[in-house]
Structures are given as structure tokens and as C-alpha cells.
Amino acid sequence: MKTWYGYRTFSSTINQNTWHEANQYAAYISRCMAYVLIPFGLLMAFLFKTQTDLFLYLTITPVIVGALLLTGLTEWHLLQEFDEDGEPKKKKP
């Protein structure tokens, strides 16, 4: 597991399978959020001529919410895919 980069939480570092799955899913969610955050940021840049407090709140809040959402969704995905020992859960037919 990488020491300098990657999605690193307790559940993602159990073994190589959880590490790979967590980083792959987190990358997918990050791309999805970028499709929303980048246009939103550009829109805010065009709407505000100066950097006011409102501009700060409207641009920083979505990024913080996105980071929390990224973590929550990735952890939930890992709970759906793996048990506590990092072994893949058996799919029901």
C-alpha cells in the first residue's frame, strides 16, 4: 500500500483487495464530484466580481461536503463488499 497517496482509512488498509477496491471507488466518486464542482466553481467566479464572505462560503462549503460524501460513500461501499476481516462477502443468488 502506498505511503504517500491513496484513500487511506482503517477499512481500506486491511489487505491489498480492500486497498484496491477503496481507491478505485474513491477515484470514481471523485470524478463524479468534479463534474459538479468545477462548473459550479466557474459559475461562482463569473457571478462574483470580488472575493466576499458569501463567495468564500459558496465555494468552500461544497468542497467540504464533497470530501465528507467521498469518505462516507467509500466506507459504505467497503462495508457492502467486504467483511471485518477484509474477505469478500458472498453474493446472494
C-alpha atoms as a PDB file:
ATOM      1  CA  MET A   1       0.000   0.000   0.000  1.00  0.00           C
ATOM      2  CA  LYS A   2       1.245   3.422  -0.903  1.00  0.00           C
ATOM      3  CA  THR A   3       2.558   5.636   1.849  1.00  0.00           C
ATOM      4  CA  TRP A   4       2.310   8.967   0.016  1.00  0.00           C
ATOM      5  CA  TYR A   5      -1.049   8.822  -1.697  1.00  0.00           C
ATOM      6  CA  GLY A   6      -4.321   6.944  -1.836  1.00  0.00           C
ATOM      7  CA  TYR A   7      -7.536   6.575   0.086  1.00  0.00           C
ATOM      8  CA  ARG A   8      -6.166   5.533   3.474  1.00  0.00           C
ATOM      9  CA  THR A   9      -8.532   4.517   6.278  1.00  0.00           C
ATOM     10  CA  PHE A  10      -8.624   1.537   8.617  1.00  0.00           C
ATOM     11  CA  SER A  11     -11.064  -0.367   6.429  1.00  0.00           C
ATOM     12  CA  SER A  12      -9.166   0.349   3.209  1.00  0.00           C
ATOM     13  CA  THR A  13      -5.804  -0.837   4.550  1.00  0.00           C
ATOM     14  CA  ILE A  14      -6.886  -4.272   5.804  1.00  0.00           C
ATOM     15  CA  ASN A  15      -5.385  -6.024   2.776  1.00  0.00           C
ATOM     16  CA  GLN A  16      -4.497  -5.459  -0.872  1.00  0.00           C
ATOM     17  CA  ASN A  17      -8.039  -6.230  -2.083  1.00  0.00           C
ATOM     18  CA  THR A  18      -9.669  -3.625   0.166  1.00  0.00           C
ATOM     19  CA  TRP A  19      -6.955  -1.108  -0.740  1.00  0.00           C
ATOM     20  CA  HIS A  20      -7.533  -1.568  -4.456  1.00  0.00           C
ATOM     21  CA  GLU A  21     -11.333  -1.514  -4.199  1.00  0.00           C
ATOM     22  CA  ALA A  22     -11.372   1.574  -1.954  1.00  0.00           C
ATOM     23  CA  ASN A  23      -9.036   3.550  -4.197  1.00  0.00           C
ATOM     24  CA  GLN A  24     -10.864   2.541  -7.357  1.00  0.00           C
ATOM     25  CA  TYR A  25     -14.247   3.519  -5.905  1.00  0.00           C
ATOM     26  CA  ALA A  26     -12.931   6.762  -4.363  1.00  0.00           C
ATOM     27  CA  ALA A  27     -11.454   7.741  -7.741  1.00  0.00           C
ATOM     28  CA  TYR A  28     -14.826   7.139  -9.412  1.00  0.00           C
ATOM     29  CA  ILE A  29     -16.668   9.247  -6.812  1.00  0.00           C
ATOM     30  CA  SER A  30     -14.009  11.976  -7.117  1.00  0.00           C
ATOM     31  CA  ARG A  31     -14.547  12.175 -10.865  1.00  0.00           C
ATOM     32  CA  CYS A  32     -18.315  12.391 -10.398  1.00  0.00           C
ATOM     33  CA  MET A  33     -17.894  15.225  -7.907  1.00  0.00           C
ATOM     34  CA  ALA A  34     -15.515  17.042 -10.244  1.00  0.00           C
ATOM     35  CA  TYR A  35     -18.252  17.130 -12.905  1.00  0.00           C
ATOM     36  CA  VAL A  36     -20.344  19.155 -10.440  1.00  0.00           C
ATOM     37  CA  LEU A  37     -17.746  21.162  -8.507  1.00  0.00           C
ATOM     38  CA  ILE A  38     -15.726  22.519 -11.434  1.00  0.00           C
ATOM     39  CA  PRO A  39     -18.678  24.072 -13.318  1.00  0.00           C
ATOM     40  CA  PHE A  40     -20.085  25.331 -10.007  1.00  0.00           C
ATOM     41  CA  GLY A  41     -16.755  26.974  -9.157  1.00  0.00           C
ATOM     42  CA  LEU A  42     -16.536  28.584 -12.580  1.00  0.00           C
ATOM     43  CA  LEU A  43     -20.097  29.869 -12.233  1.00  0.00           C
ATOM     44  CA  MET A  44     -19.243  31.429  -8.857  1.00  0.00           C
ATOM     45  CA  ALA A  45     -16.152  33.046 -10.391  1.00  0.00           C
ATOM     46  CA  PHE A  46     -18.289  34.680 -13.075  1.00  0.00           C
ATOM     47  CA  LEU A  47     -21.040  35.772 -10.669  1.00  0.00           C
ATOM     48  CA  PHE A  48     -18.777  37.409  -8.064  1.00  0.00           C
ATOM     49  CA  LYS A  49     -16.516  40.277  -9.043  1.00  0.00           C
ATOM     50  CA  THR A  50     -14.696  40.287  -5.682  1.00  0.00           C
ATOM     51  CA  GLN A  51     -13.980  37.655  -3.077  1.00  0.00           C
ATOM     52  CA  THR A  52     -16.585  38.360  -0.436  1.00  0.00           C
ATOM     53  CA  ASP A  53     -17.533  36.243   2.570  1.00  0.00           C
ATOM     54  CA  LEU A  54     -20.505  34.890   0.647  1.00  0.00           C
ATOM     55  CA  PHE A  55     -18.195  33.851  -2.190  1.00  0.00           C
ATOM     56  CA  LEU A  56     -15.987  32.033   0.314  1.00  0.00           C
ATOM     57  CA  TYR A  57     -18.922  30.171   1.859  1.00  0.00           C
ATOM     58  CA  LEU A  58     -20.423  29.264  -1.522  1.00  0.00           C
ATOM     59  CA  THR A  59     -17.149  27.853  -2.839  1.00  0.00           C
ATOM     60  CA  ILE A  60     -15.651  26.165   0.234  1.00  0.00           C
ATOM     61  CA  THR A  61     -18.829  24.529   1.564  1.00  0.00           C
ATOM     62  CA  PRO A  62     -19.406  22.278  -1.488  1.00  0.00           C
ATOM     63  CA  VAL A  63     -15.785  21.104  -1.347  1.00  0.00           C
ATOM     64  CA  ILE A  64     -16.068  20.176   2.335  1.00  0.00           C
ATOM     65  CA  VAL A  65     -19.402  18.439   1.752  1.00  0.00           C
ATOM     66  CA  GLY A  66     -17.862  16.602  -1.208  1.00  0.00           C
ATOM     67  CA  ALA A  67     -14.928  15.372   0.883  1.00  0.00           C
ATOM     68  CA  LEU A  68     -17.269  14.110   3.588  1.00  0.00           C
ATOM     69  CA  LEU A  69     -19.500  12.486   0.982  1.00  0.00           C
ATOM     70  CA  LEU A  70     -16.488  10.837  -0.664  1.00  0.00           C
ATOM     71  CA  THR A  71     -15.413   9.296   2.640  1.00  0.00           C
ATOM     72  CA  GLY A  72     -18.899   8.195   3.636  1.00  0.00           C
ATOM     73  CA  LEU A  73     -19.744   6.620   0.287  1.00  0.00           C
ATOM     74  CA  THR A  74     -16.410   4.822   0.025  1.00  0.00           C
ATOM     75  CA  GLU A  75     -16.660   3.417   3.553  1.00  0.00           C
ATOM     76  CA  TRP A  76     -20.232   2.298   2.879  1.00  0.00           C
ATOM     77  CA  HIS A  77     -19.105   0.613  -0.346  1.00  0.00           C
ATOM     78  CA  LEU A  78     -16.354  -1.253   1.502  1.00  0.00           C
ATOM     79  CA  LEU A  79     -18.860  -2.434   4.119  1.00  0.00           C
ATOM     80  CA  GLN A  80     -21.060  -3.784   1.325  1.00  0.00           C
ATOM     81  CA  GLU A  81     -18.200  -5.600  -0.412  1.00  0.00           C
ATOM     82  CA  PHE A  82     -16.047  -6.927   2.465  1.00  0.00           C
ATOM     83  CA  ASP A  83     -16.475  -8.360   5.963  1.00  0.00           C
ATOM     84  CA  GLU A  84     -14.488  -7.193   9.030  1.00  0.00           C
ATOM     85  CA  ASP A  85     -11.501  -9.344   8.057  1.00  0.00           C
ATOM     86  CA  GLY A  86     -11.286  -7.913   4.557  1.00  0.00           C
ATOM     87  CA  GLU A  87     -12.680 -11.032   2.910  1.00  0.00           C
ATOM     88  CA  PRO A  88     -15.170 -10.517   0.061  1.00  0.00           C
ATOM     89  CA  LYS A  89     -18.760 -11.072   1.053  1.00  0.00           C
ATOM     90  CA  LYS A  90     -20.588 -13.821  -0.751  1.00  0.00           C
ATOM     91  CA  LYS A  91     -23.200 -12.502  -3.141  1.00  0.00           C
ATOM     92  CA  LYS A  92     -26.721 -13.869  -2.751  1.00  0.00           C
ATOM     93  CA  PRO A  93     -28.037 -15.551  -5.929  1.00  0.00           C
END
